[in-house]
N, C-alpha and C. Protein backbone atom coordinates (compact mmCIF):
# COMPACT_ATOMS: atom_id res chain seq x y z
N ALA A 1 -4.17 -7.35 7.64
CA ALA A 1 -4.09 -5.99 8.16
C ALA A 1 -4.16 -6.04 9.69
N ALA A 2 -3.39 -5.16 10.31
CA ALA A 2 -3.47 -4.99 11.76
C ALA A 2 -4.35 -3.78 12.02
N VAL A 3 -5.39 -3.96 12.83
CA VAL A 3 -6.42 -2.93 12.99
C VAL A 3 -6.68 -2.68 14.48
N ALA A 4 -6.64 -1.40 14.87
CA ALA A 4 -6.94 -1.03 16.26
C ALA A 4 -8.44 -1.04 16.49
N GLU A 5 -8.84 -0.92 17.75
CA GLU A 5 -10.27 -0.96 18.09
C GLU A 5 -11.06 0.16 17.42
N ASN A 6 -10.40 1.28 17.13
CA ASN A 6 -11.07 2.40 16.45
C ASN A 6 -10.79 2.40 14.94
N ASN A 7 -10.39 1.23 14.42
CA ASN A 7 -10.18 1.00 12.98
C ASN A 7 -8.93 1.66 12.42
N VAL A 8 -8.09 2.23 13.26
CA VAL A 8 -6.84 2.84 12.79
C VAL A 8 -5.88 1.75 12.33
N ILE A 9 -5.22 2.01 11.19
CA ILE A 9 -4.18 1.09 10.70
C ILE A 9 -2.84 1.81 10.52
N GLY A 10 -2.85 3.15 10.58
CA GLY A 10 -1.60 3.86 10.37
C GLY A 10 -1.64 5.30 10.83
N LYS A 11 -0.44 5.86 10.99
CA LYS A 11 -0.28 7.28 11.31
C LYS A 11 1.01 7.77 10.67
N ASP A 12 0.91 8.86 9.91
CA ASP A 12 2.08 9.43 9.22
C ASP A 12 2.80 8.38 8.38
N ASN A 13 2.02 7.55 7.69
CA ASN A 13 2.54 6.51 6.80
C ASN A 13 3.39 5.47 7.55
N LYS A 14 3.09 5.27 8.81
CA LYS A 14 3.76 4.25 9.61
C LYS A 14 2.73 3.48 10.42
N ILE A 15 3.09 2.26 10.83
CA ILE A 15 2.23 1.46 11.71
C ILE A 15 2.43 1.97 13.14
N PRO A 16 1.37 2.35 13.83
CA PRO A 16 1.51 2.98 15.16
C PRO A 16 1.72 1.99 16.32
N TRP A 17 2.26 0.84 16.05
CA TRP A 17 2.61 -0.12 17.10
C TRP A 17 3.68 -1.05 16.53
N HIS A 18 4.31 -1.81 17.38
CA HIS A 18 5.33 -2.75 16.91
C HIS A 18 5.21 -4.03 17.73
N TYR A 19 4.71 -5.08 17.09
CA TYR A 19 4.61 -6.39 17.73
C TYR A 19 5.42 -7.38 16.89
N LYS A 20 6.45 -7.91 17.47
CA LYS A 20 7.33 -8.84 16.75
C LYS A 20 6.53 -10.03 16.21
N GLU A 21 5.60 -10.53 17.02
CA GLU A 21 4.80 -11.70 16.61
C GLU A 21 3.94 -11.38 15.39
N ASP A 22 3.48 -10.13 15.28
CA ASP A 22 2.65 -9.75 14.14
C ASP A 22 3.48 -9.75 12.86
N PHE A 23 4.70 -9.24 12.92
CA PHE A 23 5.58 -9.26 11.75
C PHE A 23 5.91 -10.70 11.35
N GLN A 24 6.14 -11.56 12.33
CA GLN A 24 6.44 -12.96 12.05
C GLN A 24 5.23 -13.66 11.41
N HIS A 25 4.05 -13.34 11.93
CA HIS A 25 2.79 -13.90 11.40
C HIS A 25 2.59 -13.46 9.95
N PHE A 26 2.80 -12.17 9.69
CA PHE A 26 2.66 -11.63 8.35
C PHE A 26 3.63 -12.32 7.39
N LYS A 27 4.86 -12.49 7.82
CA LYS A 27 5.87 -13.15 6.99
C LYS A 27 5.47 -14.58 6.68
N ALA A 28 5.00 -15.31 7.69
CA ALA A 28 4.60 -16.71 7.51
C ALA A 28 3.42 -16.82 6.54
N LEU A 29 2.47 -15.90 6.63
CA LEU A 29 1.30 -15.94 5.75
C LEU A 29 1.65 -15.63 4.30
N THR A 30 2.50 -14.63 4.10
CA THR A 30 2.70 -14.09 2.74
C THR A 30 3.89 -14.65 1.99
N SER A 31 4.83 -15.27 2.68
CA SER A 31 6.04 -15.77 2.00
C SER A 31 5.67 -16.77 0.90
N GLY A 32 6.27 -16.58 -0.27
CA GLY A 32 6.02 -17.45 -1.41
C GLY A 32 4.81 -17.08 -2.23
N HIS A 33 4.14 -15.99 -1.85
CA HIS A 33 2.91 -15.59 -2.53
C HIS A 33 3.04 -14.16 -3.10
N VAL A 34 1.97 -13.69 -3.69
CA VAL A 34 1.92 -12.34 -4.24
C VAL A 34 1.43 -11.37 -3.17
N VAL A 35 2.12 -10.22 -3.06
CA VAL A 35 1.64 -9.14 -2.20
C VAL A 35 1.39 -7.91 -3.07
N VAL A 36 0.23 -7.29 -2.87
CA VAL A 36 -0.15 -6.10 -3.64
C VAL A 36 -0.29 -4.94 -2.67
N MET A 37 0.34 -3.82 -3.01
CA MET A 37 0.32 -2.67 -2.11
C MET A 37 0.27 -1.38 -2.92
N GLY A 38 -0.20 -0.32 -2.28
CA GLY A 38 -0.15 1.00 -2.88
C GLY A 38 1.26 1.57 -2.79
N ARG A 39 1.50 2.66 -3.53
CA ARG A 39 2.83 3.25 -3.55
C ARG A 39 3.27 3.75 -2.17
N LYS A 40 2.35 4.38 -1.43
CA LYS A 40 2.71 4.89 -0.10
C LYS A 40 3.07 3.75 0.85
N THR A 41 2.35 2.64 0.75
CA THR A 41 2.68 1.48 1.58
C THR A 41 4.06 0.97 1.23
N PHE A 42 4.37 0.90 -0.08
CA PHE A 42 5.70 0.47 -0.48
C PHE A 42 6.76 1.41 0.09
N GLU A 43 6.51 2.72 -0.01
CA GLU A 43 7.49 3.70 0.49
C GLU A 43 7.69 3.55 2.00
N SER A 44 6.63 3.19 2.73
CA SER A 44 6.77 3.01 4.18
C SER A 44 7.61 1.76 4.49
N ILE A 45 7.55 0.75 3.62
CA ILE A 45 8.35 -0.47 3.80
C ILE A 45 9.79 -0.20 3.34
N GLY A 46 9.92 0.50 2.22
CA GLY A 46 11.23 0.93 1.75
C GLY A 46 11.95 0.01 0.79
N LYS A 47 11.47 -1.21 0.63
CA LYS A 47 12.14 -2.16 -0.28
C LYS A 47 11.17 -3.30 -0.58
N PRO A 48 11.42 -4.05 -1.67
CA PRO A 48 10.56 -5.21 -1.96
C PRO A 48 10.66 -6.24 -0.83
N LEU A 49 9.55 -6.87 -0.52
CA LEU A 49 9.56 -7.92 0.50
C LEU A 49 10.16 -9.19 -0.09
N PRO A 50 11.14 -9.78 0.58
CA PRO A 50 11.81 -10.96 0.02
C PRO A 50 10.90 -12.19 -0.05
N ASN A 51 11.21 -13.07 -1.00
CA ASN A 51 10.49 -14.33 -1.20
C ASN A 51 9.01 -14.12 -1.48
N ARG A 52 8.67 -13.00 -2.11
CA ARG A 52 7.30 -12.70 -2.50
C ARG A 52 7.31 -11.97 -3.84
N THR A 53 6.26 -12.15 -4.63
CA THR A 53 6.09 -11.34 -5.83
C THR A 53 5.44 -10.04 -5.40
N ASN A 54 6.19 -8.94 -5.50
CA ASN A 54 5.72 -7.63 -5.06
C ASN A 54 5.08 -6.87 -6.21
N ILE A 55 3.85 -6.41 -6.02
CA ILE A 55 3.17 -5.59 -7.02
C ILE A 55 2.76 -4.28 -6.35
N VAL A 56 3.21 -3.17 -6.94
CA VAL A 56 2.88 -1.84 -6.41
C VAL A 56 1.87 -1.20 -7.35
N VAL A 57 0.77 -0.71 -6.78
CA VAL A 57 -0.28 -0.05 -7.56
C VAL A 57 -0.05 1.46 -7.51
N SER A 58 0.08 2.06 -8.69
CA SER A 58 0.30 3.51 -8.78
C SER A 58 -0.27 4.03 -10.09
N ARG A 59 -0.83 5.23 -10.05
CA ARG A 59 -1.35 5.85 -11.28
C ARG A 59 -0.23 6.42 -12.14
N ASN A 60 0.98 6.50 -11.57
CA ASN A 60 2.13 7.02 -12.31
C ASN A 60 2.61 5.98 -13.32
N LYS A 61 2.33 6.23 -14.59
CA LYS A 61 2.65 5.25 -15.64
C LYS A 61 4.15 5.08 -15.86
N GLU A 62 4.93 6.07 -15.43
CA GLU A 62 6.39 6.00 -15.63
C GLU A 62 7.11 5.38 -14.44
N LEU A 63 6.40 5.06 -13.39
CA LEU A 63 7.04 4.55 -12.17
C LEU A 63 7.69 3.19 -12.42
N LEU A 64 8.96 3.10 -12.07
CA LEU A 64 9.70 1.84 -12.14
C LEU A 64 10.32 1.61 -10.76
N ILE A 65 10.13 0.41 -10.22
CA ILE A 65 10.70 0.08 -8.91
C ILE A 65 11.45 -1.23 -9.05
N SER A 66 12.73 -1.19 -8.76
CA SER A 66 13.55 -2.39 -8.87
C SER A 66 13.02 -3.48 -7.94
N GLY A 67 12.85 -4.68 -8.49
CA GLY A 67 12.37 -5.81 -7.69
C GLY A 67 10.88 -5.89 -7.54
N CYS A 68 10.15 -4.96 -8.18
CA CYS A 68 8.68 -4.95 -8.08
C CYS A 68 8.04 -4.85 -9.45
N ASN A 69 6.85 -5.41 -9.57
CA ASN A 69 5.98 -5.14 -10.71
C ASN A 69 5.17 -3.90 -10.36
N VAL A 70 4.88 -3.07 -11.34
CA VAL A 70 4.05 -1.89 -11.11
C VAL A 70 2.79 -2.01 -11.95
N ALA A 71 1.63 -1.77 -11.32
CA ALA A 71 0.35 -1.83 -12.01
C ALA A 71 -0.37 -0.50 -11.81
N GLU A 72 -1.16 -0.10 -12.80
CA GLU A 72 -1.88 1.17 -12.72
C GLU A 72 -3.17 1.07 -11.91
N SER A 73 -3.60 -0.17 -11.61
CA SER A 73 -4.87 -0.35 -10.90
C SER A 73 -4.86 -1.70 -10.18
N LEU A 74 -5.85 -1.90 -9.33
CA LEU A 74 -6.00 -3.20 -8.68
C LEU A 74 -6.26 -4.28 -9.72
N THR A 75 -7.05 -3.97 -10.73
CA THR A 75 -7.32 -4.93 -11.80
C THR A 75 -6.03 -5.33 -12.50
N GLY A 76 -5.17 -4.34 -12.77
CA GLY A 76 -3.88 -4.62 -13.39
C GLY A 76 -3.02 -5.51 -12.51
N ALA A 77 -3.05 -5.25 -11.19
CA ALA A 77 -2.29 -6.07 -10.23
C ALA A 77 -2.79 -7.50 -10.23
N ILE A 78 -4.11 -7.67 -10.28
CA ILE A 78 -4.70 -9.01 -10.30
C ILE A 78 -4.29 -9.75 -11.58
N ASN A 79 -4.24 -9.03 -12.69
CA ASN A 79 -3.80 -9.65 -13.94
C ASN A 79 -2.36 -10.12 -13.86
N ILE A 80 -1.50 -9.33 -13.22
CA ILE A 80 -0.11 -9.74 -13.03
C ILE A 80 -0.05 -10.98 -12.14
N ALA A 81 -0.86 -10.99 -11.08
CA ALA A 81 -0.90 -12.16 -10.18
C ALA A 81 -1.31 -13.41 -10.95
N LYS A 82 -2.30 -13.27 -11.83
CA LYS A 82 -2.75 -14.42 -12.64
C LYS A 82 -1.64 -14.89 -13.58
N GLN A 83 -0.92 -13.93 -14.19
CA GLN A 83 0.17 -14.28 -15.10
C GLN A 83 1.27 -15.05 -14.36
N ASN A 84 1.39 -14.79 -13.07
CA ASN A 84 2.38 -15.49 -12.23
C ASN A 84 1.80 -16.77 -11.63
N ASN A 85 0.58 -17.17 -12.09
CA ASN A 85 -0.09 -18.37 -11.59
C ASN A 85 -0.20 -18.38 -10.07
N ALA A 86 -0.55 -17.21 -9.52
CA ALA A 86 -0.63 -17.07 -8.06
C ALA A 86 -1.74 -17.93 -7.48
N GLN A 87 -1.42 -18.66 -6.43
CA GLN A 87 -2.43 -19.40 -5.67
C GLN A 87 -3.08 -18.48 -4.64
N LYS A 88 -2.26 -17.59 -4.07
CA LYS A 88 -2.75 -16.65 -3.07
C LYS A 88 -2.24 -15.26 -3.39
N CYS A 89 -3.11 -14.27 -3.23
CA CYS A 89 -2.76 -12.89 -3.50
C CYS A 89 -3.17 -12.06 -2.28
N PHE A 90 -2.18 -11.47 -1.61
CA PHE A 90 -2.44 -10.71 -0.38
C PHE A 90 -2.43 -9.21 -0.69
N ILE A 91 -3.51 -8.53 -0.33
CA ILE A 91 -3.57 -7.08 -0.44
C ILE A 91 -3.08 -6.54 0.91
N ILE A 92 -1.98 -5.77 0.91
CA ILE A 92 -1.36 -5.41 2.19
C ILE A 92 -1.40 -3.90 2.47
N GLY A 93 -2.26 -3.16 1.80
CA GLY A 93 -2.44 -1.75 2.11
C GLY A 93 -2.11 -0.86 0.93
N GLY A 94 -2.49 0.40 1.04
CA GLY A 94 -3.10 1.07 2.17
C GLY A 94 -4.61 1.04 2.14
N SER A 95 -5.15 2.04 2.82
CA SER A 95 -6.58 2.09 3.11
C SER A 95 -7.45 2.03 1.85
N SER A 96 -7.13 2.83 0.84
CA SER A 96 -7.98 2.86 -0.36
C SER A 96 -7.91 1.54 -1.13
N LEU A 97 -6.75 0.90 -1.11
CA LEU A 97 -6.61 -0.40 -1.78
C LEU A 97 -7.39 -1.48 -1.03
N TYR A 98 -7.37 -1.42 0.29
CA TYR A 98 -8.19 -2.34 1.09
C TYR A 98 -9.67 -2.18 0.72
N ALA A 99 -10.12 -0.92 0.65
CA ALA A 99 -11.54 -0.66 0.35
C ALA A 99 -11.92 -1.18 -1.03
N GLU A 100 -11.02 -1.01 -1.99
CA GLU A 100 -11.30 -1.46 -3.36
C GLU A 100 -11.29 -2.98 -3.45
N ALA A 101 -10.41 -3.62 -2.68
CA ALA A 101 -10.27 -5.08 -2.77
C ALA A 101 -11.27 -5.84 -1.92
N LEU A 102 -11.85 -5.19 -0.93
CA LEU A 102 -12.75 -5.88 0.00
C LEU A 102 -13.87 -6.66 -0.70
N PRO A 103 -14.52 -6.11 -1.74
CA PRO A 103 -15.60 -6.86 -2.39
C PRO A 103 -15.15 -8.15 -3.07
N ILE A 104 -13.87 -8.28 -3.45
CA ILE A 104 -13.43 -9.50 -4.13
C ILE A 104 -12.65 -10.43 -3.20
N ALA A 105 -12.40 -9.98 -1.97
CA ALA A 105 -11.61 -10.80 -1.05
C ALA A 105 -12.37 -12.05 -0.64
N ASP A 106 -11.65 -13.17 -0.57
CA ASP A 106 -12.23 -14.43 -0.13
C ASP A 106 -11.98 -14.65 1.36
N GLN A 107 -10.93 -14.00 1.87
CA GLN A 107 -10.49 -14.27 3.23
C GLN A 107 -9.88 -13.01 3.82
N LEU A 108 -10.14 -12.78 5.10
CA LEU A 108 -9.52 -11.68 5.83
C LEU A 108 -8.58 -12.26 6.88
N GLU A 109 -7.36 -11.77 6.90
CA GLU A 109 -6.39 -12.13 7.93
C GLU A 109 -6.13 -10.86 8.74
N LEU A 110 -6.82 -10.72 9.87
CA LEU A 110 -6.72 -9.49 10.65
C LEU A 110 -5.99 -9.71 11.96
N THR A 111 -5.17 -8.74 12.31
CA THR A 111 -4.62 -8.67 13.66
C THR A 111 -5.43 -7.61 14.38
N HIS A 112 -6.26 -8.03 15.34
CA HIS A 112 -7.05 -7.09 16.12
C HIS A 112 -6.21 -6.59 17.28
N VAL A 113 -5.85 -5.31 17.23
CA VAL A 113 -5.08 -4.69 18.31
C VAL A 113 -6.06 -4.26 19.39
N HIS A 114 -5.81 -4.69 20.63
CA HIS A 114 -6.78 -4.51 21.71
C HIS A 114 -6.70 -3.14 22.38
N LYS A 115 -6.68 -2.10 21.56
CA LYS A 115 -6.70 -0.73 22.09
C LYS A 115 -7.03 0.22 20.95
N ALA A 116 -7.49 1.40 21.30
CA ALA A 116 -7.69 2.47 20.32
C ALA A 116 -6.42 3.31 20.29
N VAL A 117 -6.01 3.71 19.10
CA VAL A 117 -4.80 4.52 18.96
C VAL A 117 -5.08 5.72 18.07
N GLU A 118 -4.25 6.74 18.20
CA GLU A 118 -4.37 7.91 17.35
C GLU A 118 -3.79 7.59 15.98
N GLY A 119 -4.46 8.04 14.94
CA GLY A 119 -3.97 7.76 13.60
C GLY A 119 -4.68 8.58 12.55
N ASP A 120 -4.23 8.43 11.30
CA ASP A 120 -4.84 9.17 10.20
C ASP A 120 -5.25 8.27 9.04
N THR A 121 -5.05 6.96 9.21
CA THR A 121 -5.40 5.99 8.16
C THR A 121 -6.23 4.88 8.79
N TYR A 122 -7.32 4.51 8.12
CA TYR A 122 -8.29 3.59 8.71
C TYR A 122 -8.58 2.40 7.80
N PHE A 123 -8.85 1.27 8.42
CA PHE A 123 -9.33 0.11 7.67
C PHE A 123 -10.77 0.38 7.27
N PRO A 124 -11.19 -0.02 6.06
CA PRO A 124 -12.57 0.26 5.64
C PRO A 124 -13.59 -0.47 6.50
N VAL A 125 -14.77 0.13 6.59
CA VAL A 125 -15.87 -0.50 7.31
C VAL A 125 -16.27 -1.75 6.54
N TRP A 126 -16.44 -2.86 7.25
CA TRP A 126 -16.83 -4.11 6.59
C TRP A 126 -17.96 -4.76 7.38
N LYS A 127 -18.78 -5.54 6.68
CA LYS A 127 -19.96 -6.15 7.30
C LYS A 127 -19.57 -7.51 7.88
N LYS A 128 -19.44 -7.55 9.20
CA LYS A 128 -18.97 -8.77 9.85
C LYS A 128 -19.93 -9.94 9.61
N ASN A 129 -21.22 -9.64 9.40
CA ASN A 129 -22.20 -10.73 9.18
C ASN A 129 -22.01 -11.42 7.84
N GLU A 130 -21.17 -10.86 6.95
CA GLU A 130 -20.88 -11.50 5.67
C GLU A 130 -19.66 -12.43 5.76
N TRP A 131 -19.07 -12.52 6.95
CA TRP A 131 -17.85 -13.28 7.15
C TRP A 131 -17.99 -14.24 8.31
N LYS A 132 -17.29 -15.36 8.23
CA LYS A 132 -17.31 -16.36 9.31
C LYS A 132 -15.91 -16.46 9.90
N GLU A 133 -15.83 -16.29 11.21
CA GLU A 133 -14.54 -16.44 11.89
C GLU A 133 -14.18 -17.92 11.92
N THR A 134 -13.00 -18.26 11.42
CA THR A 134 -12.61 -19.67 11.34
C THR A 134 -11.43 -20.01 12.23
N GLU A 135 -10.70 -18.99 12.67
CA GLU A 135 -9.53 -19.26 13.49
C GLU A 135 -9.19 -18.02 14.32
N GLN A 136 -8.75 -18.23 15.57
CA GLN A 136 -8.35 -17.11 16.41
C GLN A 136 -7.21 -17.53 17.32
N GLN A 137 -6.20 -16.68 17.40
CA GLN A 137 -5.07 -16.92 18.29
C GLN A 137 -4.88 -15.65 19.12
N ASP A 138 -5.04 -15.76 20.43
CA ASP A 138 -5.02 -14.59 21.31
C ASP A 138 -3.68 -14.38 22.00
N PHE A 139 -3.30 -13.11 22.06
CA PHE A 139 -2.15 -12.66 22.82
C PHE A 139 -2.64 -11.57 23.78
N GLN A 140 -1.78 -11.10 24.64
CA GLN A 140 -2.21 -10.12 25.62
C GLN A 140 -2.69 -8.82 24.98
N GLU A 141 -1.96 -8.33 23.96
CA GLU A 141 -2.28 -7.02 23.39
C GLU A 141 -2.97 -7.09 22.02
N PHE A 142 -3.09 -8.29 21.45
CA PHE A 142 -3.68 -8.41 20.12
C PHE A 142 -4.11 -9.85 19.89
N SER A 143 -4.89 -10.05 18.81
CA SER A 143 -5.33 -11.39 18.40
C SER A 143 -5.20 -11.53 16.90
N PHE A 144 -4.77 -12.70 16.45
CA PHE A 144 -4.79 -13.02 15.02
C PHE A 144 -6.12 -13.71 14.73
N VAL A 145 -6.89 -13.18 13.79
CA VAL A 145 -8.20 -13.75 13.48
C VAL A 145 -8.33 -13.94 11.96
N THR A 146 -8.79 -15.12 11.57
CA THR A 146 -9.05 -15.43 10.16
C THR A 146 -10.56 -15.45 9.94
N TYR A 147 -11.00 -14.76 8.89
CA TYR A 147 -12.41 -14.73 8.50
C TYR A 147 -12.53 -15.24 7.07
N MET A 148 -13.51 -16.10 6.83
CA MET A 148 -13.81 -16.56 5.47
C MET A 148 -15.14 -15.94 5.05
N ARG A 149 -15.21 -15.55 3.79
CA ARG A 149 -16.47 -14.96 3.30
C ARG A 149 -17.57 -16.02 3.26
N LYS A 150 -18.74 -15.65 3.79
CA LYS A 150 -19.90 -16.53 3.68
C LYS A 150 -20.47 -16.40 2.27
N VAL A 151 -21.01 -17.49 1.74
CA VAL A 151 -21.68 -17.43 0.44
C VAL A 151 -23.17 -17.43 0.71
N SER A 152 -23.82 -16.32 0.47
CA SER A 152 -25.25 -16.22 0.75
C SER A 152 -26.06 -16.89 -0.36
N ASN A 153 -27.34 -17.17 -0.07
CA ASN A 153 -28.23 -17.74 -1.09
C ASN A 153 -28.33 -16.82 -2.30
N LYS A 154 -28.33 -15.51 -2.04
CA LYS A 154 -28.41 -14.54 -3.13
C LYS A 154 -27.21 -14.70 -4.05
N CYS A 155 -26.01 -14.84 -3.46
CA CYS A 155 -24.80 -15.01 -4.27
C CYS A 155 -24.87 -16.30 -5.09
N LEU A 156 -25.37 -17.36 -4.45
CA LEU A 156 -25.48 -18.63 -5.16
C LEU A 156 -26.43 -18.51 -6.34
N LYS A 157 -27.55 -17.79 -6.16
CA LYS A 157 -28.51 -17.60 -7.25
C LYS A 157 -27.87 -16.81 -8.39
N VAL A 158 -27.14 -15.75 -8.05
CA VAL A 158 -26.46 -14.96 -9.08
C VAL A 158 -25.44 -15.81 -9.81
N GLU A 159 -24.69 -16.63 -9.06
CA GLU A 159 -23.68 -17.50 -9.67
C GLU A 159 -24.35 -18.47 -10.65
N MET A 160 -25.49 -19.05 -10.23
CA MET A 160 -26.20 -19.99 -11.10
C MET A 160 -26.71 -19.28 -12.36
N GLN A 161 -27.21 -18.03 -12.19
CA GLN A 161 -27.70 -17.28 -13.35
C GLN A 161 -26.56 -17.00 -14.31
N LEU A 162 -25.41 -16.61 -13.77
CA LEU A 162 -24.27 -16.30 -14.62
C LEU A 162 -23.81 -17.53 -15.39
N LYS A 163 -23.81 -18.70 -14.71
CA LYS A 163 -23.40 -19.93 -15.39
C LYS A 163 -24.37 -20.27 -16.51
N SER A 164 -25.66 -20.06 -16.25
CA SER A 164 -26.64 -20.37 -17.27
C SER A 164 -26.54 -19.40 -18.45
N TYR A 165 -26.25 -18.12 -18.16
CA TYR A 165 -26.02 -17.16 -19.24
C TYR A 165 -24.79 -17.54 -20.07
N ALA A 166 -23.76 -18.02 -19.38
CA ALA A 166 -22.52 -18.37 -20.08
C ALA A 166 -22.75 -19.52 -21.05
N ARG A 167 -23.69 -20.41 -20.71
CA ARG A 167 -23.97 -21.55 -21.58
C ARG A 167 -24.85 -21.15 -22.77
N ALA A 168 -25.55 -20.02 -22.59
CA ALA A 168 -26.43 -19.57 -23.67
C ALA A 168 -25.60 -19.04 -24.84
N SER A 169 -26.19 -19.01 -26.00
CA SER A 169 -25.48 -18.46 -27.16
C SER A 169 -25.29 -16.97 -26.96
N SER A 170 -24.28 -16.42 -27.60
CA SER A 170 -23.96 -15.00 -27.40
C SER A 170 -25.12 -14.11 -27.81
N GLY A 171 -25.93 -14.54 -28.77
CA GLY A 171 -27.08 -13.74 -29.19
C GLY A 171 -28.17 -13.70 -28.14
N ASP A 172 -28.29 -14.74 -27.32
CA ASP A 172 -29.34 -14.80 -26.30
C ASP A 172 -28.90 -14.23 -24.96
N ALA A 173 -27.58 -14.21 -24.72
CA ALA A 173 -27.10 -13.79 -23.40
C ALA A 173 -27.12 -12.27 -23.30
N PRO A 174 -27.55 -11.75 -22.14
CA PRO A 174 -27.52 -10.30 -21.94
C PRO A 174 -26.10 -9.77 -22.09
N TYR A 175 -25.99 -8.52 -22.52
CA TYR A 175 -24.68 -7.92 -22.79
C TYR A 175 -23.76 -8.03 -21.57
N GLY A 176 -22.58 -8.58 -21.78
CA GLY A 176 -21.55 -8.61 -20.75
C GLY A 176 -21.61 -9.77 -19.78
N THR A 177 -22.69 -10.51 -19.72
CA THR A 177 -22.81 -11.53 -18.68
C THR A 177 -21.89 -12.71 -18.94
N THR A 178 -21.68 -13.09 -20.20
CA THR A 178 -20.80 -14.21 -20.50
C THR A 178 -19.37 -13.87 -20.11
N ALA A 179 -18.94 -12.68 -20.46
CA ALA A 179 -17.59 -12.25 -20.11
C ALA A 179 -17.43 -12.22 -18.59
N LEU A 180 -18.45 -11.74 -17.90
CA LEU A 180 -18.38 -11.67 -16.44
C LEU A 180 -18.26 -13.06 -15.84
N SER A 181 -19.04 -14.00 -16.37
CA SER A 181 -18.97 -15.37 -15.86
C SER A 181 -17.60 -15.98 -16.09
N LYS A 182 -17.04 -15.77 -17.28
CA LYS A 182 -15.70 -16.30 -17.56
C LYS A 182 -14.67 -15.67 -16.64
N ASN A 183 -14.84 -14.35 -16.38
CA ASN A 183 -13.91 -13.65 -15.50
C ASN A 183 -13.99 -14.22 -14.08
N ARG A 184 -15.20 -14.53 -13.61
CA ARG A 184 -15.36 -15.12 -12.26
C ARG A 184 -14.67 -16.47 -12.20
N ALA A 185 -14.76 -17.25 -13.28
CA ALA A 185 -14.12 -18.56 -13.31
C ALA A 185 -12.61 -18.42 -13.20
N ARG A 186 -12.06 -17.41 -13.90
CA ARG A 186 -10.61 -17.20 -13.82
C ARG A 186 -10.20 -16.75 -12.43
N ILE A 187 -10.98 -15.83 -11.85
CA ILE A 187 -10.64 -15.30 -10.52
C ILE A 187 -10.65 -16.40 -9.48
N SER A 188 -11.54 -17.39 -9.62
CA SER A 188 -11.70 -18.41 -8.59
C SER A 188 -10.44 -19.26 -8.40
N LYS A 189 -9.50 -19.22 -9.36
CA LYS A 189 -8.28 -20.00 -9.23
C LYS A 189 -7.32 -19.35 -8.24
N THR A 190 -7.49 -18.07 -7.95
CA THR A 190 -6.62 -17.37 -7.01
C THR A 190 -7.47 -16.95 -5.82
N THR A 191 -6.93 -17.16 -4.63
CA THR A 191 -7.61 -16.72 -3.41
C THR A 191 -7.08 -15.34 -3.03
N TYR A 192 -7.98 -14.39 -2.77
CA TYR A 192 -7.60 -13.03 -2.45
C TYR A 192 -7.76 -12.77 -0.96
N TYR A 193 -6.72 -12.26 -0.36
CA TYR A 193 -6.67 -12.01 1.08
C TYR A 193 -6.47 -10.53 1.38
N LEU A 194 -7.09 -10.07 2.45
CA LEU A 194 -6.79 -8.76 3.01
C LEU A 194 -6.18 -8.98 4.37
């Protein structure tokens, strides 16, 4: 996502800036992988992105888009990505989809635009202390920054508990924990990016 200093990512369903390098960077990152977007984001692009598996999330069950998979939810989109044996799955907007995907994202690929701009769509608030900056490339008007999610001790403890529940017999395991652990194992095969 490209984000201004005041967290703006869009105005009137359009990106309020145009940087050729940012489009090239986006293409290089996402080519050959899965991209997941909301219907409004798709409409702003106007066509499926080439050399990518395009998944559009919409509550409209009758929606058909040539060249795209359509899912009713982010979970449905993730299932389609898994069926396609996706190594990487990029969530590319809009705002509500970013907010929903943020808790499961493993990596953030942000273009920090070095100015505040007027807009009506915002990137969700995120806790920078939960992420580690691993790469930065600076330009005059913007920077490409990669963040990897930190794994806290609390997360490690929860992961260990889930693994131990998964090994327990179904009669001893608390309701739902085995399924959750198996689901986490499946999710770990795909890296999720915002």
